[in-house]
Protein backbone atom coordinates (compact mmCIF):
# COMPACT_ATOMS: atom_id res chain seq x y z
CA MET A 1 -64.45 -101.66 17.23
CA LYS A 2 -60.83 -100.62 16.76
CA THR A 3 -58.74 -101.33 13.72
CA ILE A 4 -55.30 -102.94 13.85
CA ALA A 5 -53.66 -99.58 13.17
CA GLN A 6 -55.43 -98.04 16.16
CA TYR A 7 -54.18 -100.84 18.41
CA LYS A 8 -50.65 -100.32 17.12
CA ASP A 9 -50.85 -96.61 17.98
CA GLN A 10 -52.01 -97.20 21.57
CA SER A 11 -49.58 -96.53 24.33
CA SER A 12 -48.27 -99.49 26.32
CA GLU A 13 -50.38 -98.44 29.33
CA GLU A 14 -53.54 -98.54 27.22
CA MET A 15 -52.50 -101.94 25.85
CA LYS A 16 -52.10 -103.27 29.39
CA LEU A 17 -55.65 -102.16 30.12
CA ALA A 18 -57.03 -103.59 26.86
CA CYS A 19 -55.32 -106.99 27.12
CA PRO A 20 -56.61 -109.71 29.41
CA ALA A 21 -54.40 -110.69 32.33
CA SER A 22 -53.40 -113.97 30.64
CA ALA A 23 -52.11 -112.24 27.49
CA PRO A 24 -48.36 -111.84 27.48
CA ILE A 25 -47.56 -108.14 27.49
CA THR A 26 -43.98 -108.87 26.37
CA LEU A 27 -44.98 -109.85 22.83
CA PRO A 28 -44.57 -106.37 21.31
CA THR A 29 -41.08 -106.02 22.77
CA VAL A 30 -39.97 -109.49 21.70
CA ILE A 31 -41.31 -109.16 18.17
CA GLY A 32 -39.95 -106.22 16.21
CA ASP A 33 -41.98 -103.70 14.25
CA ALA A 34 -41.11 -105.24 10.87
CA ALA A 35 -42.20 -108.69 12.03
CA SER A 36 -45.37 -107.23 13.58
CA ASN A 37 -46.28 -105.56 10.29
CA GLN A 38 -45.68 -108.81 8.40
CA LEU A 39 -47.79 -110.70 10.95
CA PHE A 40 -50.68 -108.25 10.48
CA LYS A 41 -50.31 -108.72 6.74
CA MET A 42 -50.26 -112.52 7.14
CA PHE A 43 -53.38 -112.48 9.33
CA ARG A 44 -55.27 -110.41 6.76
CA ASP A 45 -54.34 -112.72 3.87
CA PRO A 46 -51.50 -115.27 4.04
CA ARG A 47 -51.13 -115.31 0.24
CA VAL A 48 -50.08 -111.65 0.23
CA LEU A 49 -46.64 -112.34 1.71
CA GLU A 50 -43.90 -112.85 -0.85
CA PRO A 51 -41.48 -115.77 -0.31
CA GLU A 52 -38.71 -113.48 0.94
CA GLU A 53 -41.13 -111.77 3.33
CA ARG A 54 -42.16 -115.16 4.71
CA ARG A 55 -38.49 -116.11 5.19
CA ASP A 56 -37.80 -112.80 6.95
CA LEU A 57 -40.85 -113.24 9.18
CA ILE A 58 -39.81 -116.78 10.11
CA THR A 59 -36.26 -115.59 10.87
CA ASP A 60 -37.59 -112.76 13.06
CA LEU A 61 -39.94 -115.11 14.90
CA ARG A 62 -37.14 -117.62 15.48
CA LYS A 63 -35.13 -114.81 17.07
CA ALA A 64 -38.16 -113.90 19.19
CA VAL A 65 -38.45 -117.53 20.34
CA ASP A 66 -34.74 -117.48 21.25
CA LEU A 67 -35.27 -114.26 23.25
CA ALA A 68 -38.40 -115.51 25.04
CA PRO A 69 -38.54 -119.32 24.92
CA GLN A 70 -41.02 -119.47 27.81
CA ILE A 71 -43.78 -117.60 25.92
CA ALA A 72 -45.85 -120.19 24.09
CA GLU A 73 -47.72 -117.59 22.03
CA VAL A 74 -44.50 -116.59 20.24
CA ARG A 75 -44.04 -120.24 19.27
CA VAL A 76 -47.64 -120.33 18.06
CA LEU A 77 -46.96 -117.34 15.81
CA LEU A 78 -43.83 -119.09 14.49
CA GLY A 79 -45.84 -122.26 13.86
CA MET A 80 -48.48 -120.29 11.97
CA ALA A 81 -45.81 -118.59 9.83
CA LEU A 82 -44.23 -121.98 9.10
CA CYS A 83 -47.65 -123.27 8.01
CA VAL A 84 -48.04 -120.34 5.63
CA ASP A 85 -44.59 -121.16 4.24
CA ILE A 86 -45.71 -124.82 3.85
CA GLN A 87 -43.20 -126.23 6.34
CA ALA A 88 -45.72 -128.52 8.01
CA GLN A 89 -43.33 -130.86 9.82
CA GLU A 90 -41.41 -128.04 11.46
CA ALA A 91 -44.67 -126.23 12.28
CA LEU A 92 -45.95 -129.41 13.93
CA GLU A 93 -42.86 -129.60 16.14
CA VAL A 94 -43.04 -125.90 17.08
CA LEU A 95 -46.75 -126.07 17.95
CA ARG A 96 -46.26 -129.29 19.93
CA GLU A 97 -43.53 -127.52 21.93
CA ALA A 98 -45.88 -124.55 22.50
CA VAL A 99 -48.48 -126.93 23.96
CA ASN A 100 -45.81 -128.58 26.13
CA ILE A 101 -44.62 -125.20 27.43
CA SER A 102 -48.12 -123.94 28.16
CA PRO A 103 -50.70 -126.73 28.35
CA ASP A 104 -53.31 -124.20 29.50
CA SER A 105 -52.96 -121.99 26.41
CA PHE A 106 -56.16 -121.89 24.35
CA ILE A 107 -54.48 -120.64 21.19
CA ALA A 108 -51.63 -123.18 21.36
CA ARG A 109 -54.10 -126.06 21.67
CA LEU A 110 -56.42 -124.69 18.98
CA LYS A 111 -53.68 -124.06 16.42
CA PHE A 112 -51.98 -127.39 17.13
CA GLY A 113 -55.35 -129.09 16.63
CA GLU A 114 -55.93 -127.13 13.43
CA LEU A 115 -52.59 -128.21 11.96
CA LEU A 116 -53.26 -131.84 12.94
CA MET A 117 -56.66 -131.54 11.28
CA ARG A 118 -55.14 -130.15 8.09
CA LEU A 119 -52.61 -132.99 8.11
CA ARG A 120 -55.55 -135.41 8.48
CA ILE A 121 -54.45 -136.70 11.89
CA CYS A 122 -58.02 -136.41 13.07
CA ASN A 123 -58.07 -138.28 16.38
CA GLN A 124 -55.22 -136.21 17.83
CA ALA A 125 -56.77 -133.08 16.30
CA ALA A 126 -60.04 -133.87 18.06
CA GLU A 127 -58.23 -134.27 21.40
CA GLN A 128 -56.39 -130.96 21.07
CA THR A 129 -59.53 -129.14 19.93
CA HIS A 130 -61.49 -130.59 22.87
CA CYS A 131 -58.80 -129.32 25.25
CA ALA A 132 -58.96 -125.90 23.56
CA ALA A 133 -62.75 -125.85 23.97
CA GLN A 134 -62.36 -126.55 27.68
CA LEU A 135 -59.83 -123.70 27.95
CA ALA A 136 -62.01 -121.19 26.07
CA SER A 137 -62.53 -118.08 28.17
CA ASN A 138 -65.11 -116.28 26.03
CA ALA A 139 -67.83 -116.90 23.45
CA ALA A 140 -65.55 -116.19 20.46
CA GLN A 141 -63.02 -118.79 21.58
CA SER A 142 -65.78 -121.31 22.25
CA GLU A 143 -67.18 -120.72 18.77
CA LEU A 144 -63.77 -121.21 17.12
CA ALA A 145 -63.26 -124.49 18.96
CA ARG A 146 -66.82 -125.62 18.23
CA ARG A 147 -66.44 -125.01 14.49
CA GLN A 148 -63.09 -126.76 14.36
CA ALA A 149 -64.50 -129.74 16.28
CA ALA A 150 -67.46 -129.93 13.90
CA THR A 151 -65.09 -129.98 10.91
CA ILE A 152 -63.05 -132.76 12.50
CA ARG A 153 -66.19 -134.81 13.24
CA THR A 154 -67.26 -134.43 9.61
CA MET A 155 -63.83 -135.56 8.42
CA LEU A 156 -63.96 -138.60 10.70
CA ARG A 157 -67.49 -139.46 9.61
CA GLU A 158 -66.62 -139.19 5.92
CA GLY A 159 -63.39 -141.14 6.32
CA ILE A 160 -61.12 -138.24 5.40
CA GLU A 161 -58.25 -139.17 7.61
CA ARG A 162 -54.58 -139.92 7.17
CA GLY A 163 -54.32 -143.48 5.90
CA GLY A 164 -58.07 -143.53 5.32
CA TYR A 165 -57.92 -144.22 1.59
CA ARG A 166 -58.26 -147.95 0.92
CA GLY A 167 -58.89 -148.16 -2.79
CA VAL A 168 -61.59 -147.89 -5.41
CA PHE A 169 -63.90 -150.55 -3.96
CA SER A 170 -63.72 -149.31 -0.37
CA GLY A 171 -66.44 -146.76 -1.08
CA LEU A 172 -68.70 -149.38 -2.64
CA PHE A 173 -68.26 -152.09 -0.04
CA GLY A 174 -67.04 -150.14 2.99
CA PHE A 175 -70.46 -150.16 4.64
CA ARG A 176 -70.34 -153.93 4.89
CA ARG A 177 -66.95 -153.89 6.64
CA LYS A 178 -68.13 -151.29 9.12
CA SER A 179 -71.19 -153.34 10.03
CA GLY A 180 -69.09 -156.39 10.79
CA TYR A 181 -70.15 -158.33 7.69
CA LYS A 182 -67.15 -160.00 6.06
CA LEU A 183 -66.95 -159.53 2.36
CA ASN A 184 -65.43 -162.36 0.38
CA ALA A 185 -65.20 -163.48 -3.21
CA SER A 186 -68.21 -165.82 -2.98
CA VAL A 187 -70.46 -162.93 -1.98
CA LEU A 188 -69.17 -160.80 -4.83
CA LEU A 189 -69.66 -163.55 -7.40
CA GLY A 190 -73.08 -164.54 -6.07
CA SER A 191 -72.11 -168.18 -5.54
CA LYS A 192 -73.08 -170.22 -2.50
């Protein structure tokens, strides 16, 4: 297995042979060396980037999006960098645009679903993750989508969803509401 440094040292002809046909070969030319290094750093551990490095990376990725607006993967990288910089609303818009540009992009669907999941918008997250699972082209992609879908199902089952908190007594009496039994004051007080 090759390390990231070995991939960076490969010639462009070797990269064309190593990359699948669906991978955009223009990414290295659109994204500069400094931004590429920061991206590798971010992928290793997002907490390593200093605030000014995150700002520089976001600026470089915005320029890359301006240079190649048709490449959804560049927008996905920008969305991921915005997430690391805790700019969730803007990241949501960028990832939504990436999905609109390339509805058949596995990574755009997966990352959009992941952000929706982290924002606790579980039903939309489940839809995007399901689409990503259908677009998976290898076992690793299928596994990523499967794990994300399992996490979303757990969140839905446990009621961890945006707007899902109803108060202190919802945990105690929530099972009765789900079963269709109406809870009222007479039941609570034990009177007939």
